[in-house]
Amino acid sequence: MTEQDKLDFISSYISKLMRKNFGRGPQSCRATLSKKHLVVYIQGFITPMEQILIQQEQYKIVDYSRTIIINNLLNEIKAIVQVSLDVEVAEHYHDWNFPNNSGILIFVLEDVAGQNVETQIDIQKLELEIGRISLLVQKVPDEMQTYPISPTIFLVERKGIFIQIEKALIEKGFQQELKFTKDQLEKTYFHRDGRFEDIFNTPVKDIFLDWNFTDDKGLIIFTLENKSLGK
């Protein structure tokens, strides 16, 4: 199998697994591999029950229920990724953008499994802007590393990001509440105050966030409009 065949298989498997467990599958599910990261971008995936809750602005209920199911599926998805790519998965993350009806699954691999992606984006300028927005919400990360996944997907890893009150909440077991609050707050600032369209020179379609509370780090995914396709 070629690399693309493997990615198509992973995408198809995830779509079928979600259909089996949620009662419907996504409109599109696309896996992209770059060096040590596998990113699965999902679009068109809100169930009728979730739609009713979203209309009533019950975002927390939708987020919690979906997180429970996705976390239950991640071990099976992780196994498929490992078998398909012949590499161990070190970490996995996920996030959802309900207003855009989109989501992301991120798998950090133990070893390099894909090709490096070249980019003309000013990485230093991007990281400075992320640092500026991060400071408005919490603090400037101690470290940042940017990974171009494709011409329209960029992953940024932030390390050393939690302030003392967040660390105390984590120690007290309030990870889920903290994650929901941080997700809403940071996305608001990144979308409203960020100058990312100028940096990427194209509109930003989605911004996704997830965290590893144990290791004090988090990932940001930017998905961009595909100018060549006009969408």
Protein backbone atom coordinates (compact mmCIF):
# COMPACT_ATOMS: atom_id res chain seq x y z
CA MET A 1 0.00 0.00 0.00
CA THR A 2 1.15 3.52 -0.75
CA GLU A 3 1.16 6.15 1.98
CA GLN A 4 -2.00 7.68 0.51
CA ASP A 5 -3.69 4.26 0.49
CA LYS A 6 -2.90 3.92 4.19
CA LEU A 7 -4.26 7.38 4.95
CA ASP A 8 -7.42 6.67 2.96
CA PHE A 9 -7.89 3.44 4.91
CA ILE A 10 -7.48 5.25 8.24
CA SER A 11 -9.95 7.94 7.17
CA SER A 12 -12.51 5.38 6.03
CA TYR A 13 -12.12 3.32 9.20
CA ILE A 14 -12.67 6.37 11.43
CA SER A 15 -15.76 7.40 9.44
CA LYS A 16 -17.28 3.92 9.80
CA LEU A 17 -16.40 3.76 13.51
CA MET A 18 -18.07 7.11 14.16
CA ARG A 19 -21.14 6.07 12.19
CA LYS A 20 -21.39 2.89 14.26
CA ASN A 21 -21.11 4.69 17.60
CA PHE A 22 -22.92 7.97 16.91
CA GLY A 23 -25.59 6.73 14.52
CA ARG A 24 -24.22 8.79 11.62
CA GLY A 25 -20.85 9.42 10.04
CA PRO A 26 -19.10 12.64 9.00
CA GLN A 27 -19.58 14.19 5.57
CA SER A 28 -15.81 14.15 5.13
CA CYS A 29 -12.87 12.69 7.04
CA ARG A 30 -9.35 13.32 5.77
CA ALA A 31 -6.10 12.06 7.30
CA THR A 32 -2.86 13.94 6.64
CA LEU A 33 0.60 12.74 7.65
CA SER A 34 3.72 14.86 8.15
CA LYS A 35 6.83 13.46 9.84
CA LYS A 36 5.69 12.57 13.40
CA HIS A 37 2.12 13.91 13.26
CA LEU A 38 -1.06 12.42 11.86
CA VAL A 39 -3.94 14.90 11.69
CA VAL A 40 -7.50 13.80 10.87
CA TYR A 41 -9.77 16.68 9.84
CA ILE A 42 -13.49 15.91 10.16
CA GLN A 43 -16.35 17.96 8.70
CA GLY A 44 -20.13 17.68 8.78
CA PHE A 45 -20.55 15.67 11.97
CA ILE A 46 -23.31 16.81 14.32
CA THR A 47 -26.00 14.32 15.31
CA PRO A 48 -29.70 15.32 15.47
CA MET A 49 -29.61 15.16 19.27
CA GLU A 50 -26.52 17.36 19.41
CA GLN A 51 -28.14 19.82 16.99
CA ILE A 52 -31.09 20.29 19.36
CA LEU A 53 -28.75 20.87 22.32
CA ILE A 54 -26.65 23.32 20.30
CA GLN A 55 -29.77 25.28 19.32
CA GLN A 56 -30.49 25.60 23.04
CA GLU A 57 -26.83 26.67 23.60
CA GLN A 58 -26.12 23.60 25.73
CA TYR A 59 -22.54 23.44 24.46
CA LYS A 60 -21.13 21.98 27.66
CA ILE A 61 -23.47 18.96 27.52
CA VAL A 62 -22.59 18.33 23.86
CA ASP A 63 -18.88 18.71 24.57
CA TYR A 64 -18.91 16.37 27.57
CA SER A 65 -20.98 13.64 25.93
CA ARG A 66 -18.95 13.68 22.73
CA THR A 67 -15.68 13.65 24.70
CA ILE A 68 -16.77 10.52 26.57
CA ILE A 69 -17.57 8.66 23.34
CA ILE A 70 -14.50 9.86 21.41
CA ASN A 71 -12.19 8.97 24.31
CA ASN A 72 -13.72 5.49 24.28
CA LEU A 73 -12.98 5.17 20.54
CA LEU A 74 -9.46 6.58 20.60
CA ASN A 75 -7.79 3.36 21.73
CA GLU A 76 -9.26 1.50 18.75
CA ILE A 77 -8.34 4.33 16.37
CA LYS A 78 -4.86 4.47 17.88
CA ALA A 79 -4.42 0.74 17.21
CA ILE A 80 -5.49 1.14 13.56
CA VAL A 81 -3.05 4.04 13.13
CA GLN A 82 -0.21 2.00 14.62
CA VAL A 83 -0.90 -1.05 12.46
CA SER A 84 -1.42 0.99 9.28
CA LEU A 85 1.67 3.19 9.65
CA ASP A 86 3.84 0.65 11.53
CA VAL A 87 4.70 3.17 14.24
CA GLU A 88 3.68 3.65 17.86
CA VAL A 89 1.40 6.52 18.90
CA ALA A 90 2.89 8.56 21.75
CA GLU A 91 -0.02 10.95 22.35
CA HIS A 92 -3.45 11.77 20.97
CA TYR A 93 -5.59 14.89 21.09
CA HIS A 94 -8.99 15.98 19.79
CA ASP A 95 -11.15 19.07 19.58
CA TRP A 96 -14.42 20.17 17.97
CA ASN A 97 -15.74 23.39 16.51
CA PHE A 98 -19.52 23.08 16.75
CA PRO A 99 -20.39 26.39 14.99
CA ASN A 100 -18.39 25.20 11.95
CA ASN A 101 -19.49 21.56 12.33
CA SER A 102 -15.87 20.39 12.22
CA GLY A 103 -13.37 18.54 14.36
CA ILE A 104 -9.81 17.30 14.56
CA LEU A 105 -8.00 14.19 15.80
CA ILE A 106 -4.24 14.50 16.32
CA PHE A 107 -1.83 11.61 16.81
CA VAL A 108 1.76 12.32 17.85
CA LEU A 109 3.92 9.43 16.65
CA GLU A 110 6.97 7.92 18.32
CA ASP A 111 9.01 7.94 15.09
CA VAL A 112 9.00 9.75 11.78
CA ALA A 113 6.45 8.17 9.43
CA GLY A 114 5.83 10.88 6.84
CA GLN A 115 7.63 13.41 4.70
CA ASN A 116 8.62 16.90 5.82
CA VAL A 117 6.40 19.72 4.52
CA GLU A 118 8.06 22.92 3.32
CA THR A 119 6.35 26.26 3.91
CA GLN A 120 6.87 29.91 3.04
CA ILE A 121 5.02 31.05 6.17
CA ASP A 122 7.02 33.25 8.57
CA ILE A 123 7.14 30.82 11.51
CA GLN A 124 8.74 33.33 13.88
CA LYS A 125 5.98 35.85 13.19
CA LEU A 126 3.34 33.16 13.74
CA GLU A 127 4.82 32.11 17.08
CA LEU A 128 5.17 35.72 18.25
CA GLU A 129 1.49 36.29 17.49
CA ILE A 130 0.51 33.11 19.37
CA GLY A 131 2.64 34.27 22.29
CA ARG A 132 0.91 37.67 22.25
CA ILE A 133 -2.56 36.12 22.34
CA SER A 134 -1.51 33.54 24.95
CA LEU A 135 -0.39 36.37 27.23
CA LEU A 136 -3.85 37.96 27.04
CA VAL A 137 -5.38 34.75 28.38
CA GLN A 138 -2.71 33.24 30.64
CA LYS A 139 1.04 33.53 29.90
CA VAL A 140 3.55 33.40 27.09
CA PRO A 141 4.54 29.73 26.59
CA ASP A 142 8.02 28.75 27.74
CA GLU A 143 8.56 26.98 24.41
CA MET A 144 6.85 26.79 21.03
CA GLN A 145 7.41 24.59 17.99
CA THR A 146 5.54 24.86 14.70
CA TYR A 147 4.94 21.90 12.39
CA PRO A 148 3.49 22.45 8.89
CA ILE A 149 1.27 19.43 8.26
CA SER A 150 0.13 20.47 4.77
CA PRO A 151 -0.24 23.75 2.86
CA THR A 152 -3.57 24.27 4.67
CA ILE A 153 -2.88 22.71 8.11
CA PHE A 154 -0.42 24.03 10.69
CA LEU A 155 0.23 22.56 14.13
CA VAL A 156 1.83 24.56 16.95
CA GLU A 157 2.97 22.94 20.18
CA ARG A 158 3.11 25.13 23.28
CA LYS A 159 5.00 24.03 26.41
CA GLY A 160 4.96 25.65 29.84
CA ILE A 161 1.57 27.34 29.47
CA PHE A 162 -0.36 26.88 32.73
CA ILE A 163 -0.50 29.51 35.45
CA GLN A 164 -0.65 28.58 39.14
CA ILE A 165 -4.45 28.68 39.48
CA GLU A 166 -4.76 26.31 36.50
CA LYS A 167 -2.19 23.94 38.00
CA ALA A 168 -4.15 23.95 41.27
CA LEU A 169 -7.39 23.11 39.45
CA ILE A 170 -5.63 20.28 37.60
CA GLU A 171 -4.32 18.86 40.88
CA LYS A 172 -7.84 19.03 42.36
CA GLY A 173 -9.26 17.00 39.45
CA PHE A 174 -11.07 19.75 37.54
CA GLN A 175 -9.44 18.96 34.18
CA GLN A 176 -12.69 18.64 32.22
CA GLU A 177 -14.12 21.92 33.52
CA LEU A 178 -10.81 23.67 32.89
CA LYS A 179 -10.55 22.28 29.37
CA PHE A 180 -14.06 23.43 28.42
CA THR A 181 -13.46 26.93 29.83
CA LYS A 182 -10.02 27.31 28.26
CA ASP A 183 -11.26 26.07 24.93
CA GLN A 184 -14.01 28.68 24.73
CA LEU A 185 -11.89 31.51 26.13
CA GLU A 186 -8.79 30.94 24.01
CA LYS A 187 -10.73 30.43 20.79
CA THR A 188 -12.53 33.71 21.39
CA TYR A 189 -9.23 35.56 21.73
CA PHE A 190 -7.49 33.75 18.87
CA HIS A 191 -10.37 34.40 16.46
CA ARG A 192 -11.16 37.95 17.59
CA ASP A 193 -7.72 39.39 18.31
CA GLY A 194 -5.35 37.27 16.25
CA ARG A 195 -3.75 38.60 13.07
CA PHE A 196 -3.36 35.17 11.56
CA GLU A 197 -4.89 35.87 8.16
CA ASP A 198 -2.10 38.38 7.53
CA ILE A 199 0.51 35.81 8.55
CA PHE A 200 -0.95 32.95 6.49
CA ASN A 201 -2.01 35.27 3.67
CA THR A 202 -5.30 33.40 3.47
CA PRO A 203 -8.45 33.12 5.64
CA VAL A 204 -8.32 30.80 8.65
CA LYS A 205 -11.11 28.23 8.46
CA ASP A 206 -10.77 26.63 11.92
CA ILE A 207 -8.69 26.89 15.07
CA PHE A 208 -8.57 23.81 17.30
CA LEU A 209 -7.07 23.47 20.78
CA ASP A 210 -6.29 20.63 23.16
CA TRP A 211 -3.99 20.15 26.13
CA ASN A 212 -1.88 17.61 27.95
CA PHE A 213 -2.44 18.68 31.55
CA THR A 214 0.08 16.21 32.95
CA ASP A 215 2.99 17.54 30.87
CA ASP A 216 1.93 21.22 30.87
CA LYS A 217 1.61 21.58 27.13
CA GLY A 218 -1.00 22.01 24.42
CA LEU A 219 -1.49 21.89 20.69
CA ILE A 220 -3.06 24.43 18.35
CA ILE A 221 -4.21 23.47 14.87
CA PHE A 222 -4.92 26.08 12.20
CA THR A 223 -6.83 24.92 9.12
CA LEU A 224 -6.78 27.36 6.23
CA GLU A 225 -9.02 28.03 3.27
CA ASN A 226 -7.72 26.29 0.15
CA LYS A 227 -7.26 29.16 -2.27
CA SER A 228 -6.67 26.84 -5.22
CA LEU A 229 -10.12 25.31 -4.66
CA GLY A 230 -11.78 28.52 -3.68
CA LYS A 231 -12.91 27.10 -0.35
